Amino acid sequence: MNWNNVLIYPNPSTDHITLETSQPCKIEIYDITGHKVLTIATNENSTDMDISPLHPGLYLIKCTTASGVASVQKFVKQ
């Protein structure tokens, strides 16, 4: 599985981000202290997420498929 094709944009963002993957995954967003703040299960390869309720700062996005954790990436909420 090539996860070099995981795209998160725009980054940084103020109100939404789009995550594009090579296959559907469960998406979890964690704040910098490790607390899970959002979970989205999707059957799509492109997912638009509303991040407007999140406080400004650095977050981690974890993508998990049936095979396990596929990718962990950072994004900035302004």
PDB file of N, CA and C in Angstrom:
ATOM      1  N   MET A   1       0.843  -1.181   0.000  1.00  0.00           N
ATOM      2  CA  MET A   1       0.000   0.000   0.000  1.00  0.00           C
ATOM      3  C   MET A   1       0.885   1.239   0.000  1.00  0.00           C
ATOM      4  N   ASN A   2       0.700   2.110  -0.930  1.00  0.00           N
ATOM      5  CA  ASN A   2       1.516   3.320  -1.030  1.00  0.00           C
ATOM      6  C   ASN A   2       0.763   4.492  -0.422  1.00  0.00           C
ATOM      7  N   TRP A   3       1.161   4.887   0.788  1.00  0.00           N
ATOM      8  CA  TRP A   3       0.488   5.995   1.454  1.00  0.00           C
ATOM      9  C   TRP A   3       1.180   7.311   1.215  1.00  0.00           C
ATOM     10  N   ASN A   4       2.148   7.335   0.300  1.00  0.00           N
ATOM     11  CA  ASN A   4       2.723   8.616  -0.094  1.00  0.00           C
ATOM     12  C   ASN A   4       1.688   9.458  -0.824  1.00  0.00           C
ATOM     13  N   ASN A   5       0.585   8.833  -1.244  1.00  0.00           N
ATOM     14  CA  ASN A   5      -0.461   9.538  -1.973  1.00  0.00           C
ATOM     15  C   ASN A   5      -1.545  10.098  -1.065  1.00  0.00           C
ATOM     16  N   VAL A   6      -1.366  10.070   0.266  1.00  0.00           N
ATOM     17  CA  VAL A   6      -2.335  10.672   1.175  1.00  0.00           C
ATOM     18  C   VAL A   6      -2.147  12.180   1.113  1.00  0.00           C
ATOM     19  N   LEU A   7      -3.210  12.878   0.773  1.00  0.00           N
ATOM     20  CA  LEU A   7      -3.166  14.337   0.675  1.00  0.00           C
ATOM     21  C   LEU A   7      -4.094  14.952   1.708  1.00  0.00           C
ATOM     22  N   ILE A   8      -3.592  15.953   2.417  1.00  0.00           N
ATOM     23  CA  ILE A   8      -4.408  16.731   3.349  1.00  0.00           C
ATOM     24  C   ILE A   8      -4.277  18.187   2.917  1.00  0.00           C
ATOM     25  N   TYR A   9      -5.406  18.796   2.606  1.00  0.00           N
ATOM     26  CA  TYR A   9      -5.360  20.198   2.161  1.00  0.00           C
ATOM     27  C   TYR A   9      -6.664  20.901   2.478  1.00  0.00           C
ATOM     28  N   PRO A  10      -6.682  22.211   2.597  1.00  0.00           N
ATOM     29  CA  PRO A  10      -5.496  23.054   2.734  1.00  0.00           C
ATOM     30  C   PRO A  10      -4.865  22.846   4.105  1.00  0.00           C
ATOM     31  N   ASN A  11      -3.588  23.046   4.187  1.00  0.00           N
ATOM     32  CA  ASN A  11      -2.865  22.876   5.441  1.00  0.00           C
ATOM     33  C   ASN A  11      -1.791  23.957   5.516  1.00  0.00           C
ATOM     34  N   PRO A  12      -1.997  24.938   6.392  1.00  0.00           N
ATOM     35  CA  PRO A  12      -2.988  25.078   7.463  1.00  0.00           C
ATOM     36  C   PRO A  12      -4.366  25.471   6.937  1.00  0.00           C
ATOM     37  N   SER A  13      -5.373  25.310   7.829  1.00  0.00           N
ATOM     38  CA  SER A  13      -6.757  25.609   7.482  1.00  0.00           C
ATOM     39  C   SER A  13      -7.483  26.218   8.672  1.00  0.00           C
ATOM     40  N   THR A  14      -8.597  26.901   8.389  1.00  0.00           N
ATOM     41  CA  THR A  14      -9.377  27.506   9.464  1.00  0.00           C
ATOM     42  C   THR A  14     -10.709  26.810   9.708  1.00  0.00           C
ATOM     43  N   ASP A  15     -11.316  26.223   8.654  1.00  0.00           N
ATOM     44  CA  ASP A  15     -12.666  25.686   8.845  1.00  0.00           C
ATOM     45  C   ASP A  15     -12.909  24.282   8.301  1.00  0.00           C
ATOM     46  N   HIS A  16     -12.138  23.848   7.321  1.00  0.00           N
ATOM     47  CA  HIS A  16     -12.307  22.492   6.800  1.00  0.00           C
ATOM     48  C   HIS A  16     -10.999  22.007   6.192  1.00  0.00           C
ATOM     49  N   ILE A  17     -10.857  20.686   6.146  1.00  0.00           N
ATOM     50  CA  ILE A  17      -9.751  20.069   5.430  1.00  0.00           C
ATOM     51  C   ILE A  17     -10.313  18.934   4.590  1.00  0.00           C
ATOM     52  N   THR A  18      -9.609  18.621   3.534  1.00  0.00           N
ATOM     53  CA  THR A  18      -9.964  17.493   2.685  1.00  0.00           C
ATOM     54  C   THR A  18      -8.840  16.473   2.777  1.00  0.00           C
ATOM     55  N   LEU A  19      -9.223  15.228   2.945  1.00  0.00           N
ATOM     56  CA  LEU A  19      -8.261  14.125   3.001  1.00  0.00           C
ATOM     57  C   LEU A  19      -8.533  13.216   1.820  1.00  0.00           C
ATOM     58  N   GLU A  20      -7.517  13.023   0.978  1.00  0.00           N
ATOM     59  CA  GLU A  20      -7.640  12.112  -0.162  1.00  0.00           C
ATOM     60  C   GLU A  20      -6.698  10.948   0.055  1.00  0.00           C
ATOM     61  N   THR A  21      -7.228   9.723  -0.086  1.00  0.00           N
ATOM     62  CA  THR A  21      -6.451   8.512   0.128  1.00  0.00           C
ATOM     63  C   THR A  21      -6.609   7.571  -1.050  1.00  0.00           C
ATOM     64  N   SER A  22      -5.752   6.571  -1.094  1.00  0.00           N
ATOM     65  CA  SER A  22      -5.829   5.592  -2.181  1.00  0.00           C
ATOM     66  C   SER A  22      -6.922   4.555  -1.934  1.00  0.00           C
ATOM     67  N   GLN A  23      -7.428   4.492  -0.690  1.00  0.00           N
ATOM     68  CA  GLN A  23      -8.552   3.606  -0.373  1.00  0.00           C
ATOM     69  C   GLN A  23      -9.288   4.160   0.835  1.00  0.00           C
ATOM     70  N   PRO A  24     -10.547   3.773   1.034  1.00  0.00           N
ATOM     71  CA  PRO A  24     -11.315   4.265   2.181  1.00  0.00           C
ATOM     72  C   PRO A  24     -10.649   3.895   3.508  1.00  0.00           C
ATOM     73  N   CYS A  25     -10.850   4.747   4.517  1.00  0.00           N
ATOM     74  CA  CYS A  25     -10.269   4.473   5.827  1.00  0.00           C
ATOM     75  C   CYS A  25     -11.091   5.140   6.929  1.00  0.00           C
ATOM     76  N   LYS A  26     -10.825   4.717   8.160  1.00  0.00           N
ATOM     77  CA  LYS A  26     -11.387   5.393   9.321  1.00  0.00           C
ATOM     78  C   LYS A  26     -10.410   6.508   9.675  1.00  0.00           C
ATOM     79  N   ILE A  27     -10.926   7.709   9.846  1.00  0.00           N
ATOM     80  CA  ILE A  27     -10.094   8.880  10.104  1.00  0.00           C
ATOM     81  C   ILE A  27     -10.304   9.326  11.544  1.00  0.00           C
ATOM     82  N   GLU A  28      -9.204   9.477  12.274  1.00  0.00           N
ATOM     83  CA  GLU A  28      -9.257   9.970  13.645  1.00  0.00           C
ATOM     84  C   GLU A  28      -8.340  11.173  13.752  1.00  0.00           C
ATOM     85  N   ILE A  29      -8.841  12.227  14.416  1.00  0.00           N
ATOM     86  CA  ILE A  29      -8.043  13.427  14.627  1.00  0.00           C
ATOM     87  C   ILE A  29      -7.745  13.548  16.113  1.00  0.00           C
ATOM     88  N   TYR A  30      -6.465  13.760  16.428  1.00  0.00           N
ATOM     89  CA  TYR A  30      -5.997  13.892  17.806  1.00  0.00           C
ATOM     90  C   TYR A  30      -5.375  15.272  18.006  1.00  0.00           C
ATOM     91  N   ASP A  31      -5.596  15.857  19.205  1.00  0.00           N
ATOM     92  CA  ASP A  31      -4.890  17.097  19.513  1.00  0.00           C
ATOM     93  C   ASP A  31      -3.462  16.751  19.915  1.00  0.00           C
ATOM     94  N   ILE A  32      -2.652  17.760  20.157  1.00  0.00           N
ATOM     95  CA  ILE A  32      -1.232  17.553  20.414  1.00  0.00           C
ATOM     96  C   ILE A  32      -0.981  16.814  21.732  1.00  0.00           C
ATOM     97  N   THR A  33      -1.975  16.786  22.641  1.00  0.00           N
ATOM     98  CA  THR A  33      -1.814  16.062  23.900  1.00  0.00           C
ATOM     99  C   THR A  33      -2.232  14.600  23.775  1.00  0.00           C
ATOM    100  N   GLY A  34      -2.719  14.199  22.583  1.00  0.00           N
ATOM    101  CA  GLY A  34      -3.090  12.812  22.353  1.00  0.00           C
ATOM    102  C   GLY A  34      -4.555  12.494  22.568  1.00  0.00           C
ATOM    103  N   HIS A  35      -5.371  13.500  22.850  1.00  0.00           N
ATOM    104  CA  HIS A  35      -6.811  13.270  23.019  1.00  0.00           C
ATOM    105  C   HIS A  35      -7.502  13.227  21.659  1.00  0.00           C
ATOM    106  N   LYS A  36      -8.338  12.182  21.457  1.00  0.00           N
ATOM    107  CA  LYS A  36      -9.091  12.070  20.210  1.00  0.00           C
ATOM    108  C   LYS A  36     -10.192  13.117  20.220  1.00  0.00           C
ATOM    109  N   VAL A  37     -10.252  13.941  19.167  1.00  0.00           N
ATOM    110  CA  VAL A  37     -11.240  15.013  19.107  1.00  0.00           C
ATOM    111  C   VAL A  37     -12.269  14.814  17.995  1.00  0.00           C
ATOM    112  N   LEU A  38     -12.012  13.893  17.062  1.00  0.00           N
ATOM    113  CA  LEU A  38     -12.942  13.677  15.956  1.00  0.00           C
ATOM    114  C   LEU A  38     -12.668  12.319  15.320  1.00  0.00           C
ATOM    115  N   THR A  39     -13.744  11.596  14.972  1.00  0.00           N
ATOM    116  CA  THR A  39     -13.628  10.320  14.267  1.00  0.00           C
ATOM    117  C   THR A  39     -14.617  10.320  13.113  1.00  0.00           C
ATOM    118  N   ILE A  40     -14.143   9.907  11.957  1.00  0.00           N
ATOM    119  CA  ILE A  40     -14.999   9.805  10.775  1.00  0.00           C
ATOM    120  C   ILE A  40     -14.692   8.479  10.092  1.00  0.00           C
ATOM    121  N   ALA A  41     -15.706   7.657   9.893  1.00  0.00           N
ATOM    122  CA  ALA A  41     -15.552   6.437   9.099  1.00  0.00           C
ATOM    123  C   ALA A  41     -16.106   6.735   7.717  1.00  0.00           C
ATOM    124  N   THR A  42     -15.326   6.476   6.699  1.00  0.00           N
ATOM    125  CA  THR A  42     -15.749   6.823   5.357  1.00  0.00           C
ATOM    126  C   THR A  42     -15.536   5.672   4.391  1.00  0.00           C
ATOM    127  N   ASN A  43     -16.383   5.593   3.402  1.00  0.00           N
ATOM    128  CA  ASN A  43     -16.227   4.626   2.320  1.00  0.00           C
ATOM    129  C   ASN A  43     -15.754   5.315   1.047  1.00  0.00           C
ATOM    130  N   GLU A  44     -15.351   6.561   1.204  1.00  0.00           N
ATOM    131  CA  GLU A  44     -14.916   7.359   0.063  1.00  0.00           C
ATOM    132  C   GLU A  44     -13.393   7.507   0.072  1.00  0.00           C
ATOM    133  N   ASN A  45     -12.832   7.834  -1.072  1.00  0.00           N
ATOM    134  CA  ASN A  45     -11.395   8.101  -1.156  1.00  0.00           C
ATOM    135  C   ASN A  45     -11.083   9.578  -0.957  1.00  0.00           C
ATOM    136  N   SER A  46     -12.113  10.415  -0.897  1.00  0.00           N
ATOM    137  CA  SER A  46     -11.952  11.839  -0.634  1.00  0.00           C
ATOM    138  C   SER A  46     -12.994  12.236   0.406  1.00  0.00           C
ATOM    139  N   THR A  47     -12.531  12.834   1.503  1.00  0.00           N
ATOM    140  CA  THR A  47     -13.413  13.188   2.603  1.00  0.00           C
ATOM    141  C   THR A  47     -13.173  14.633   3.013  1.00  0.00           C
ATOM    142  N   ASP A  48     -14.245  15.415   3.071  1.00  0.00           N
ATOM    143  CA  ASP A  48     -14.171  16.799   3.538  1.00  0.00           C
ATOM    144  C   ASP A  48     -14.591  16.814   5.003  1.00  0.00           C
ATOM    145  N   MET A  49     -13.749  17.379   5.870  1.00  0.00           N
ATOM    146  CA  MET A  49     -14.015  17.384   7.305  1.00  0.00           C
ATOM    147  C   MET A  49     -14.142  18.803   7.828  1.00  0.00           C
ATOM    148  N   ASP A  50     -15.196  19.039   8.611  1.00  0.00           N
ATOM    149  CA  ASP A  50     -15.410  20.333   9.256  1.00  0.00           C
ATOM    150  C   ASP A  50     -14.542  20.386  10.513  1.00  0.00           C
ATOM    151  N   ILE A  51     -13.546  21.267  10.518  1.00  0.00           N
ATOM    152  CA  ILE A  51     -12.675  21.405  11.689  1.00  0.00           C
ATOM    153  C   ILE A  51     -12.901  22.743  12.395  1.00  0.00           C
ATOM    154  N   SER A  52     -13.969  23.462  12.013  1.00  0.00           N
ATOM    155  CA  SER A  52     -14.219  24.778  12.613  1.00  0.00           C
ATOM    156  C   SER A  52     -14.405  24.727  14.127  1.00  0.00           C
ATOM    157  N   PRO A  53     -14.965  23.640  14.718  1.00  0.00           N
ATOM    158  CA  PRO A  53     -15.102  23.619  16.177  1.00  0.00           C
ATOM    159  C   PRO A  53     -13.776  23.420  16.934  1.00  0.00           C
ATOM    160  N   LEU A  54     -12.732  22.979  16.225  1.00  0.00           N
ATOM    161  CA  LEU A  54     -11.457  22.723  16.894  1.00  0.00           C
ATOM    162  C   LEU A  54     -10.751  24.023  17.262  1.00  0.00           C
ATOM    163  N   HIS A  55     -10.019  23.997  18.370  1.00  0.00           N
ATOM    164  CA  HIS A  55      -9.212  25.147  18.781  1.00  0.00           C
ATOM    165  C   HIS A  55      -7.990  25.257  17.868  1.00  0.00           C
ATOM    166  N   PRO A  56      -7.487  26.459  17.641  1.00  0.00           N
ATOM    167  CA  PRO A  56      -6.271  26.601  16.840  1.00  0.00           C
ATOM    168  C   PRO A  56      -5.118  25.797  17.446  1.00  0.00           C
ATOM    169  N   GLY A  57      -4.321  25.182  16.581  1.00  0.00           N
ATOM    170  CA  GLY A  57      -3.172  24.423  17.050  1.00  0.00           C
ATOM    171  C   GLY A  57      -2.778  23.317  16.088  1.00  0.00           C
ATOM    172  N   LEU A  58      -1.877  22.469  16.555  1.00  0.00           N
ATOM    173  CA  LEU A  58      -1.361  21.354  15.774  1.00  0.00           C
ATOM    174  C   LEU A  58      -2.163  20.095  16.095  1.00  0.00           C
ATOM    175  N   TYR A  59      -2.536  19.348  15.061  1.00  0.00           N
ATOM    176  CA  TYR A  59      -3.312  18.117  15.215  1.00  0.00           C
ATOM    177  C   TYR A  59      -2.674  16.999  14.402  1.00  0.00           C
ATOM    178  N   LEU A  60      -3.006  15.768  14.765  1.00  0.00           N
ATOM    179  CA  LEU A  60      -2.574  14.587  14.027  1.00  0.00           C
ATOM    180  C   LEU A  60      -3.792  13.897  13.442  1.00  0.00           C
ATOM    181  N   ILE A  61      -3.665  13.461  12.199  1.00  0.00           N
ATOM    182  CA  ILE A  61      -4.722  12.674  11.551  1.00  0.00           C
ATOM    183  C   ILE A  61      -4.193  11.267  11.374  1.00  0.00           C
ATOM    184  N   LYS A  62      -4.956  10.290  11.885  1.00  0.00           N
ATOM    185  CA  LYS A  62      -4.595   8.876  11.735  1.00  0.00           C
ATOM    186  C   LYS A  62      -5.615   8.217  10.821  1.00  0.00           C
ATOM    187  N   CYS A  63      -5.129   7.557   9.772  1.00  0.00           N
ATOM    188  CA  CYS A  63      -5.983   6.817   8.846  1.00  0.00           C
ATOM    189  C   CYS A  63      -5.768   5.333   9.093  1.00  0.00           C
ATOM    190  N   THR A  64      -6.873   4.612   9.323  1.00  0.00           N
ATOM    191  CA  THR A  64      -6.802   3.181   9.595  1.00  0.00           C
ATOM    192  C   THR A  64      -7.670   2.424   8.601  1.00  0.00           C
ATOM    193  N   THR A  65      -7.106   1.392   7.992  1.00  0.00           N
ATOM    194  CA  THR A  65      -7.851   0.523   7.091  1.00  0.00           C
ATOM    195  C   THR A  65      -8.033  -0.826   7.783  1.00  0.00           C
ATOM    196  N   ALA A  66      -8.642  -1.762   7.084  1.00  0.00           N
ATOM    197  CA  ALA A  66      -8.820  -3.106   7.631  1.00  0.00           C
ATOM    198  C   ALA A  66      -7.476  -3.768   7.917  1.00  0.00           C
ATOM    199  N   SER A  67      -6.419  -3.313   7.253  1.00  0.00           N
ATOM    200  CA  SER A  67      -5.080  -3.872   7.444  1.00  0.00           C
ATOM    201  C   SER A  67      -4.340  -3.268   8.630  1.00  0.00           C
ATOM    202  N   GLY A  68      -4.863  -2.189   9.194  1.00  0.00           N
ATOM    203  CA  GLY A  68      -4.207  -1.531  10.323  1.00  0.00           C
ATOM    204  C   GLY A  68      -3.964  -0.058  10.057  1.00  0.00           C
ATOM    205  N   VAL A  69      -3.133   0.562  10.903  1.00  0.00           N
ATOM    206  CA  VAL A  69      -2.840   1.989  10.745  1.00  0.00           C
ATOM    207  C   VAL A  69      -2.050   2.187   9.460  1.00  0.00           C
ATOM    208  N   ALA A  70      -2.558   3.041   8.610  1.00  0.00           N
ATOM    209  CA  ALA A  70      -1.955   3.242   7.306  1.00  0.00           C
ATOM    210  C   ALA A  70      -1.144   4.527   7.222  1.00  0.00           C
ATOM    211  N   SER A  71      -1.547   5.552   7.990  1.00  0.00           N
ATOM    212  CA  SER A  71      -0.863   6.835   7.882  1.00  0.00           C
ATOM    213  C   SER A  71      -1.169   7.681   9.106  1.00  0.00           C
ATOM    214  N   VAL A  72      -0.163   8.443   9.537  1.00  0.00           N
ATOM    215  CA  VAL A  72      -0.358   9.472  10.556  1.00  0.00           C
ATOM    216  C   VAL A  72       0.328  10.733  10.035  1.00  0.00           C
ATOM    217  N   GLN A  73      -0.443  11.817   9.934  1.00  0.00           N
ATOM    218  CA  GLN A  73       0.097  13.068   9.412  1.00  0.00           C
ATOM    219  C   GLN A  73      -0.347  14.232  10.269  1.00  0.00           C
ATOM    220  N   LYS A  74       0.365  15.347  10.166  1.00  0.00           N
ATOM    221  CA  LYS A  74       0.061  16.553  10.937  1.00  0.00           C
ATOM    222  C   LYS A  74      -0.701  17.555  10.081  1.00  0.00           C
ATOM    223  N   PHE A  75      -1.524  18.369  10.757  1.00  0.00           N
ATOM    224  CA  PHE A  75      -2.093  19.552  10.115  1.00  0.00           C
ATOM    225  C   PHE A  75      -2.256  20.640  11.163  1.00  0.00           C
ATOM    226  N   VAL A  76      -2.350  21.871  10.694  1.00  0.00           N
ATOM    227  CA  VAL A  76      -2.465  23.025  11.563  1.00  0.00           C
ATOM    228  C   VAL A  76      -3.836  23.649  11.388  1.00  0.00           C
ATOM    229  N   LYS A  77      -4.533  23.834  12.501  1.00  0.00           N
ATOM    230  CA  LYS A  77      -5.820  24.561  12.521  1.00  0.00           C
ATOM    231  C   LYS A  77      -5.497  25.983  12.958  1.00  0.00           C
ATOM    232  N   GLN A  78      -5.814  26.953  12.111  1.00  0.00           N
ATOM    233  CA  GLN A  78      -5.552  28.361  12.438  1.00  0.00           C
ATOM    234  C   GLN A  78      -6.714  28.984  13.149  1.00  0.00           C
TER     235      GLN A  78
END
